[in-house]
Amino acid sequence: MAEVLLNGVSKVYDGKVTAVREVNVSINDKEFVVLVGPSGCGKSTVLRMIAGLEEISAGTISIDGRVVNDVAPKDRDIAMVFQNYALYPHMTVYENLAFGLKLRKHPKSDIERRVREAAKILGIDTYLERKPKALSGGQRQRVALGRAIVRQPKVFLFDEPLSNLDANLRVQMRTEISRLHRRLQTTMIYVTHDQIEAMSMGDRIVVMRDGVVQQVDTPLNIYHQPSNRFVAGFIGSPTMNFIDGTVQANGTLTFLEKGSPFSVELPQPQAARVKHLSGKSVTLGIRPEHIYASVPPEGGPMASFSAHIEVVEPVGNEIFVYFTTGTGFQYVARVATDRPPEVGVASQLLIDTGKIHFFDSQTEESL
């Protein structure tokens, strides 16, 4: 298998449009790394440069210790699974799986063995004589995966392979791909705009924005220790709440929201981290699950505040509560179903001050 190194990789179109800017990422052997970000952030361009489908404007890409900038895609020992299945409609499943190996003139016995093994791994061994039109979306996606598996490449590349599937099938296929990674022990690089896919599948996540890498870390570290406001807002559903205000010293350190009576007395270590910013503007971040409608059985230091409840949205085992604090900006809390607040009235909510994040109002970097 292989380590993949991206060193200062950039992509500029027509000499003026920069799609990717100086990406430096090290992907370890047998690691599952997910590139995630909004549409147009450059994640698919990075994947295509690794595959050799896009020319690199600057920097180097190495696979298994070999610089591959000028190596043809077919010689990079990679296999790619695309968003559309790209199956040959006139061929059976077996023929689709075997086609790439036949082009490379593998012996028939080797092709037979590889195809049967891949089909068994993916649970499509009973469909080998069917044509793609006789398969469901999930079965077609398995065939596309199988076509990559039979190659036995050093690196698997996935370009949003689940985008065309329905919600339930996406969950199932996420599990299948994660199980496949554990079984094959191969380096995998996966592109998605879905942060749930990124959080649930990746050993590490590369968060991108406007062609620039924002943070590279494990899913939990990115969730609990975002490097900036963009990462904090992009990872997590519902998104993190952001409240602009100032830090004031009045015996204790207190955060005051601009234009509203909302205030939070800051405990340690939050107070120590922003003490030097007393009197200056900062942005407070708090995730919806750290705002409560009643005192939780376990939790950190709590602060109470008054909120006007706008919408209560039950989603099964929890409730999303949308509220305002007097400024007109809407925030969201994720609360238990036992005590939902009443819509259209003022309620007292609680915030776990030990879970507060602070971001610089100008640079948006985490404080």
Protein backbone atom coordinates (compact mmCIF):
# COMPACT_ATOMS: atom_id res chain seq x y z
CA MET A 1 0.00 0.00 0.00
CA ALA A 2 1.12 3.63 0.00
CA GLU A 3 1.66 6.93 1.70
CA VAL A 4 0.43 9.97 -0.26
CA LEU A 5 2.20 13.31 0.21
CA LEU A 6 0.96 16.64 -1.13
CA ASN A 7 3.62 19.35 -0.84
CA GLY A 8 2.64 22.92 -1.79
CA VAL A 9 0.12 21.68 -4.37
CA SER A 10 -1.70 24.44 -6.27
CA LYS A 11 -4.00 24.59 -9.28
CA VAL A 12 -4.46 27.76 -11.34
CA TYR A 13 -6.76 27.88 -14.36
CA ASP A 14 -5.96 30.21 -17.29
CA GLY A 15 -3.19 31.78 -15.26
CA LYS A 16 -5.58 33.75 -13.06
CA VAL A 17 -8.23 31.58 -11.35
CA THR A 18 -6.75 29.82 -8.33
CA ALA A 19 -8.79 26.71 -7.52
CA VAL A 20 -6.35 25.18 -5.01
CA ARG A 21 -3.70 27.06 -3.05
CA GLU A 22 -0.60 25.46 -1.51
CA VAL A 23 -2.10 22.28 -0.08
CA ASN A 24 0.24 20.44 2.30
CA VAL A 25 -1.20 17.14 3.49
CA SER A 26 0.45 13.86 4.49
CA ILE A 27 -1.79 10.77 4.16
CA ASN A 28 -0.38 7.75 5.94
CA ASP A 29 -0.26 4.22 4.59
CA LYS A 30 -3.62 2.42 5.12
CA GLU A 31 -5.26 5.64 6.36
CA PHE A 32 -8.81 6.73 5.44
CA VAL A 33 -8.73 10.50 4.86
CA VAL A 34 -11.78 12.56 3.93
CA LEU A 35 -11.61 15.87 2.04
CA VAL A 36 -14.67 17.91 2.99
CA GLY A 37 -15.93 21.38 2.28
CA PRO A 38 -18.67 23.32 0.46
CA SER A 39 -19.13 23.15 -3.30
CA GLY A 40 -16.32 24.90 -5.15
CA CYS A 41 -13.78 24.63 -2.32
CA GLY A 42 -11.31 22.62 -4.45
CA LYS A 43 -11.61 19.20 -2.85
CA SER A 44 -12.46 17.34 -6.07
CA THR A 45 -9.70 19.21 -7.88
CA VAL A 46 -7.20 17.93 -5.30
CA LEU A 47 -8.47 14.39 -5.81
CA ARG A 48 -8.23 14.70 -9.59
CA MET A 49 -4.65 15.98 -9.30
CA ILE A 50 -3.76 12.95 -7.18
CA ALA A 51 -5.34 10.74 -9.85
CA GLY A 52 -3.50 12.56 -12.64
CA LEU A 53 -6.70 13.79 -14.28
CA GLU A 54 -5.75 17.43 -13.60
CA GLU A 55 -2.33 18.95 -14.25
CA ILE A 56 -0.57 20.41 -11.19
CA SER A 57 0.30 24.12 -11.43
CA ALA A 58 2.78 24.05 -8.53
CA GLY A 59 4.05 21.66 -5.86
CA THR A 60 4.57 17.91 -5.86
CA ILE A 61 2.46 14.81 -5.25
CA SER A 62 4.18 11.61 -4.11
CA ILE A 63 2.65 8.12 -3.95
CA ASP A 64 4.60 5.41 -2.18
CA GLY A 65 7.74 7.57 -2.18
CA ARG A 66 7.60 8.34 -5.93
CA VAL A 67 6.84 11.83 -7.29
CA VAL A 68 4.01 11.35 -9.78
CA ASN A 69 3.59 14.86 -11.22
CA ASP A 70 4.51 13.66 -14.69
CA VAL A 71 3.28 10.07 -14.36
CA ALA A 72 0.25 9.07 -16.46
CA PRO A 73 -2.92 8.17 -14.50
CA LYS A 74 -2.76 4.52 -15.62
CA ASP A 75 0.75 4.20 -14.18
CA ARG A 76 0.02 5.69 -10.73
CA ASP A 77 -1.43 2.44 -9.34
CA ILE A 78 -4.62 4.12 -8.12
CA ALA A 79 -8.30 3.29 -8.61
CA MET A 80 -11.04 5.90 -8.62
CA VAL A 81 -14.77 5.61 -7.89
CA PHE A 82 -16.77 8.47 -9.39
CA GLN A 83 -20.06 10.12 -8.46
CA ASN A 84 -21.81 8.49 -11.41
CA TYR A 85 -21.29 4.76 -11.66
CA ALA A 86 -19.89 4.84 -15.22
CA LEU A 87 -20.83 1.20 -15.87
CA TYR A 88 -20.97 -0.22 -19.38
CA PRO A 89 -24.70 -0.83 -19.97
CA HIS A 90 -24.17 -3.57 -22.58
CA MET A 91 -21.90 -5.62 -20.30
CA THR A 92 -22.87 -7.91 -17.42
CA VAL A 93 -21.69 -7.23 -13.89
CA TYR A 94 -18.94 -9.81 -14.36
CA GLU A 95 -17.79 -8.18 -17.59
CA ASN A 96 -17.81 -4.72 -16.01
CA LEU A 97 -15.67 -5.99 -13.13
CA ALA A 98 -13.27 -7.82 -15.43
CA PHE A 99 -12.93 -5.20 -18.16
CA GLY A 100 -10.02 -3.24 -16.66
CA LEU A 101 -8.08 -6.41 -15.95
CA LYS A 102 -8.61 -7.66 -19.51
CA LEU A 103 -7.21 -4.39 -20.87
CA ARG A 104 -4.11 -4.96 -18.76
CA LYS A 105 -3.88 -8.50 -20.16
CA HIS A 106 -4.15 -10.34 -16.85
CA PRO A 107 -4.45 -14.14 -17.15
CA LYS A 108 -8.03 -15.45 -17.29
CA SER A 109 -7.57 -17.46 -14.09
CA ASP A 110 -6.38 -14.31 -12.25
CA ILE A 111 -9.33 -12.30 -13.56
CA GLU A 112 -11.76 -15.02 -12.50
CA ARG A 113 -10.30 -15.16 -9.01
CA ARG A 114 -10.23 -11.40 -8.47
CA VAL A 115 -13.74 -10.83 -9.79
CA ARG A 116 -15.22 -13.63 -7.66
CA GLU A 117 -13.40 -12.39 -4.55
CA ALA A 118 -14.53 -8.77 -5.03
CA ALA A 119 -18.11 -9.82 -5.77
CA LYS A 120 -18.22 -11.92 -2.61
CA ILE A 121 -16.81 -9.10 -0.47
CA LEU A 122 -19.48 -6.71 -1.77
CA GLY A 123 -22.37 -9.17 -1.72
CA ILE A 124 -23.00 -9.01 -5.48
CA ASP A 125 -21.84 -12.52 -6.35
CA THR A 126 -25.42 -13.54 -7.24
CA TYR A 127 -25.75 -10.65 -9.73
CA LEU A 128 -22.73 -11.36 -11.92
CA GLU A 129 -24.82 -12.29 -14.96
CA ARG A 130 -27.12 -9.29 -14.72
CA LYS A 131 -26.69 -6.07 -16.67
CA PRO A 132 -26.63 -2.67 -14.88
CA LYS A 133 -30.21 -1.79 -15.86
CA ALA A 134 -31.42 -4.77 -13.79
CA LEU A 135 -29.68 -3.48 -10.63
CA SER A 136 -30.73 -1.01 -7.95
CA GLY A 137 -28.72 2.15 -7.25
CA GLY A 138 -26.97 0.54 -4.31
CA GLN A 139 -26.09 -2.56 -6.32
CA ARG A 140 -24.68 -0.43 -9.14
CA GLN A 141 -22.56 1.47 -6.62
CA ARG A 142 -21.22 -1.86 -5.33
CA VAL A 143 -20.27 -2.83 -8.87
CA ALA A 144 -18.40 0.48 -9.25
CA LEU A 145 -16.59 -0.27 -5.98
CA GLY A 146 -15.85 -3.81 -7.16
CA ARG A 147 -14.32 -2.54 -10.36
CA ALA A 148 -11.84 -0.58 -8.22
CA ILE A 149 -11.21 -3.46 -5.81
CA VAL A 150 -10.23 -5.96 -8.51
CA ARG A 151 -7.41 -3.64 -9.53
CA GLN A 152 -5.80 -4.12 -6.10
CA PRO A 153 -4.33 -0.59 -6.26
CA LYS A 154 -2.08 1.15 -3.78
CA VAL A 155 -4.60 3.99 -3.31
CA PHE A 156 -8.41 4.20 -3.62
CA LEU A 157 -9.91 7.58 -4.57
CA PHE A 158 -13.63 8.28 -4.02
CA ASP A 159 -15.26 11.37 -5.57
CA GLU A 160 -18.63 11.81 -3.80
CA PRO A 161 -19.66 8.24 -4.64
CA LEU A 162 -22.88 8.29 -2.59
CA SER A 163 -24.40 11.55 -3.85
CA ASN A 164 -26.92 9.80 -6.12
CA LEU A 165 -28.29 7.47 -3.45
CA ASP A 166 -31.30 8.00 -1.18
CA ALA A 167 -30.79 8.80 2.53
CA ASN A 168 -31.16 5.26 3.90
CA LEU A 169 -28.93 3.75 1.22
CA ARG A 170 -26.28 6.42 1.87
CA VAL A 171 -26.10 5.32 5.51
CA GLN A 172 -25.81 1.68 4.48
CA MET A 173 -23.10 2.37 1.90
CA ARG A 174 -21.12 4.51 4.37
CA THR A 175 -20.97 1.47 6.60
CA GLU A 176 -20.03 -0.78 3.68
CA ILE A 177 -17.12 1.45 2.61
CA SER A 178 -15.82 1.75 6.18
CA ARG A 179 -16.00 -2.04 6.55
CA LEU A 180 -14.26 -2.41 3.19
CA HIS A 181 -11.41 -0.19 4.37
CA ARG A 182 -10.90 -2.25 7.50
CA ARG A 183 -10.90 -5.44 5.44
CA LEU A 184 -8.60 -4.32 2.62
CA GLN A 185 -6.24 -2.21 4.76
CA THR A 186 -5.64 0.15 1.84
CA THR A 187 -4.99 3.88 1.68
CA MET A 188 -8.28 5.62 0.85
CA ILE A 189 -8.98 9.26 0.03
CA TYR A 190 -12.64 10.24 0.00
CA VAL A 191 -14.22 13.51 -1.17
CA THR A 192 -17.61 14.69 0.08
CA HIS A 193 -19.51 17.89 0.90
CA ASP A 194 -21.49 15.99 3.55
CA GLN A 195 -19.94 16.59 6.97
CA ILE A 196 -21.85 13.61 8.44
CA GLU A 197 -20.04 11.32 5.97
CA ALA A 198 -16.75 12.95 6.88
CA MET A 199 -17.27 12.60 10.63
CA SER A 200 -18.48 9.00 10.49
CA MET A 201 -15.96 7.57 7.99
CA GLY A 202 -12.60 9.31 8.18
CA ASP A 203 -9.57 8.50 10.32
CA ARG A 204 -8.71 12.14 9.67
CA ILE A 205 -10.55 14.99 7.97
CA VAL A 206 -9.15 17.72 5.72
CA VAL A 207 -11.51 20.73 5.83
CA MET A 208 -11.20 23.04 2.81
CA ARG A 209 -12.54 26.47 1.94
CA ASP A 210 -11.89 28.48 -1.23
CA GLY A 211 -9.02 26.19 -2.23
CA VAL A 212 -7.23 26.50 1.11
CA VAL A 213 -6.91 23.80 3.79
CA GLN A 214 -8.44 25.11 7.02
CA GLN A 215 -7.70 22.21 9.38
CA VAL A 216 -6.43 18.62 9.28
CA ASP A 217 -7.26 16.47 12.30
CA THR A 218 -9.33 13.58 13.64
CA PRO A 219 -13.12 13.98 13.47
CA LEU A 220 -13.54 14.49 17.22
CA ASN A 221 -10.69 16.99 17.49
CA ILE A 222 -12.16 19.02 14.63
CA TYR A 223 -15.57 18.93 16.29
CA HIS A 224 -14.37 19.88 19.78
CA GLN A 225 -11.35 22.03 18.87
CA PRO A 226 -12.09 23.84 15.57
CA SER A 227 -9.25 26.04 14.37
CA ASN A 228 -11.52 28.85 13.16
CA ARG A 229 -15.13 29.98 12.83
CA PHE A 230 -15.58 28.42 9.39
CA VAL A 231 -14.59 24.93 10.59
CA ALA A 232 -16.74 25.31 13.71
CA GLY A 233 -19.77 26.28 11.62
CA PHE A 234 -19.27 23.73 8.85
CA ILE A 235 -18.80 20.67 11.07
CA GLY A 236 -21.86 19.81 13.15
CA SER A 237 -25.59 19.67 12.48
CA PRO A 238 -27.38 21.87 13.42
CA THR A 239 -24.52 24.29 13.03
CA MET A 240 -22.75 25.98 15.93
CA ASN A 241 -24.38 29.19 17.20
CA PHE A 242 -22.28 32.35 16.79
CA ILE A 243 -22.99 35.41 18.94
CA ASP A 244 -21.10 38.66 18.36
CA GLY A 245 -20.36 40.69 21.45
CA THR A 246 -17.72 42.07 23.78
CA VAL A 247 -15.78 40.79 26.77
CA GLN A 248 -16.06 43.08 29.80
CA ALA A 249 -14.25 43.02 33.16
CA ASN A 250 -16.57 43.93 36.02
CA GLY A 251 -15.08 42.04 38.94
CA THR A 252 -15.48 38.94 36.81
CA LEU A 253 -15.20 38.53 33.06
CA THR A 254 -18.56 38.67 31.25
CA PHE A 255 -19.52 38.27 27.60
CA LEU A 256 -22.23 40.70 26.43
CA GLU A 257 -24.09 40.25 23.14
CA LYS A 258 -24.30 43.36 20.99
CA GLY A 259 -27.72 44.98 21.07
CA SER A 260 -29.37 42.62 23.57
CA PRO A 261 -29.47 41.91 27.31
CA PHE A 262 -27.89 38.48 26.75
CA SER A 263 -24.79 38.04 28.92
CA VAL A 264 -22.72 35.11 30.20
CA GLU A 265 -20.31 35.17 33.13
CA LEU A 266 -17.17 33.36 32.03
CA PRO A 267 -15.60 30.61 34.16
CA GLN A 268 -12.03 29.40 34.01
CA PRO A 269 -10.38 28.53 31.63
CA GLN A 270 -12.52 30.61 29.25
CA ALA A 271 -11.95 33.78 31.29
CA ALA A 272 -8.19 33.31 31.27
CA ARG A 273 -8.13 32.78 27.50
CA VAL A 274 -9.92 36.05 26.70
CA LYS A 275 -8.88 38.23 29.66
CA HIS A 276 -6.50 40.21 27.44
CA LEU A 277 -9.45 41.00 25.11
CA SER A 278 -11.46 42.85 27.76
CA GLY A 279 -13.40 45.65 26.08
CA LYS A 280 -12.83 44.21 22.58
CA SER A 281 -15.20 42.51 20.16
CA VAL A 282 -15.16 38.72 19.95
CA THR A 283 -17.51 36.01 18.68
CA LEU A 284 -18.87 33.43 21.11
CA GLY A 285 -19.59 29.97 19.73
CA ILE A 286 -21.76 27.37 21.41
CA ARG A 287 -23.06 24.11 19.95
CA PRO A 288 -26.84 23.46 20.10
CA GLU A 289 -26.43 20.42 22.38
CA HIS A 290 -24.79 22.62 25.04
CA ILE A 291 -27.92 24.76 25.45
CA TYR A 292 -30.60 23.29 27.71
CA ALA A 293 -34.28 23.84 28.47
CA SER A 294 -33.83 22.35 31.97
CA VAL A 295 -30.92 21.50 34.25
CA PRO A 296 -29.12 18.44 32.82
CA PRO A 297 -28.25 15.51 35.12
CA GLU A 298 -24.58 16.10 34.40
CA GLY A 299 -22.85 19.15 33.01
CA GLY A 300 -20.39 21.94 33.58
CA PRO A 301 -20.99 25.42 35.01
CA MET A 302 -24.35 26.78 33.82
CA ALA A 303 -25.56 30.29 33.04
CA SER A 304 -29.23 31.18 32.60
CA PHE A 305 -30.56 33.60 29.99
CA SER A 306 -33.94 34.72 28.67
CA ALA A 307 -34.90 33.69 25.15
CA HIS A 308 -37.98 34.12 22.96
CA ILE A 309 -38.98 30.73 21.52
CA GLU A 310 -39.73 31.00 17.79
CA VAL A 311 -40.02 27.38 16.58
CA VAL A 312 -40.01 23.97 18.28
CA GLU A 313 -39.06 21.19 15.84
CA PRO A 314 -39.41 17.58 17.07
CA VAL A 315 -37.09 15.15 15.28
CA GLY A 316 -37.69 11.97 17.27
CA ASN A 317 -35.41 11.47 20.26
CA GLU A 318 -34.64 15.18 20.55
CA ILE A 319 -36.10 18.59 19.78
CA PHE A 320 -34.55 21.52 17.92
CA VAL A 321 -35.55 24.80 19.55
CA TYR A 322 -35.08 27.99 17.52
CA PHE A 323 -34.96 31.16 19.62
CA THR A 324 -33.91 34.83 19.67
CA THR A 325 -32.32 36.88 22.45
CA GLY A 326 -33.52 40.35 21.44
CA THR A 327 -31.32 41.16 18.44
CA GLY A 328 -33.40 39.47 15.75
CA PHE A 329 -30.71 36.84 15.11
CA GLN A 330 -32.02 33.29 15.42
CA TYR A 331 -30.13 30.59 17.31
CA VAL A 332 -30.83 26.90 17.86
CA ALA A 333 -30.71 24.53 20.82
CA ARG A 334 -30.89 20.75 20.78
CA VAL A 335 -32.90 19.67 23.84
CA ALA A 336 -34.43 16.51 25.30
CA THR A 337 -38.05 15.65 24.53
CA ASP A 338 -39.26 15.50 28.15
CA ARG A 339 -39.57 19.29 28.67
CA PRO A 340 -39.97 21.15 25.38
CA PRO A 341 -40.36 24.93 25.83
CA GLU A 342 -43.56 26.63 24.71
CA VAL A 343 -43.58 28.45 21.36
CA GLY A 344 -44.15 32.20 21.28
CA VAL A 345 -43.21 32.96 24.87
CA ALA A 346 -40.11 33.98 26.80
CA SER A 347 -38.29 31.07 28.40
CA GLN A 348 -35.24 30.62 30.56
CA LEU A 349 -32.60 28.54 28.82
CA LEU A 350 -29.28 27.34 30.19
CA ILE A 351 -25.87 27.44 28.53
CA ASP A 352 -22.96 25.21 29.54
CA THR A 353 -20.26 27.86 29.91
CA GLY A 354 -17.57 25.19 30.04
CA LYS A 355 -18.31 24.37 26.37
CA ILE A 356 -18.02 27.92 25.01
CA HIS A 357 -15.67 28.70 22.10
CA PHE A 358 -14.31 32.15 21.28
CA PHE A 359 -13.23 33.45 17.88
CA ASP A 360 -11.48 36.64 16.87
CA SER A 361 -14.05 38.93 15.24
CA GLN A 362 -11.57 40.05 12.57
CA THR A 363 -9.51 36.97 11.67
CA GLU A 364 -12.15 34.40 12.74
CA GLU A 365 -9.34 32.30 14.27
CA SER A 366 -10.08 30.36 17.45
CA LEU A 367 -8.97 32.01 20.69
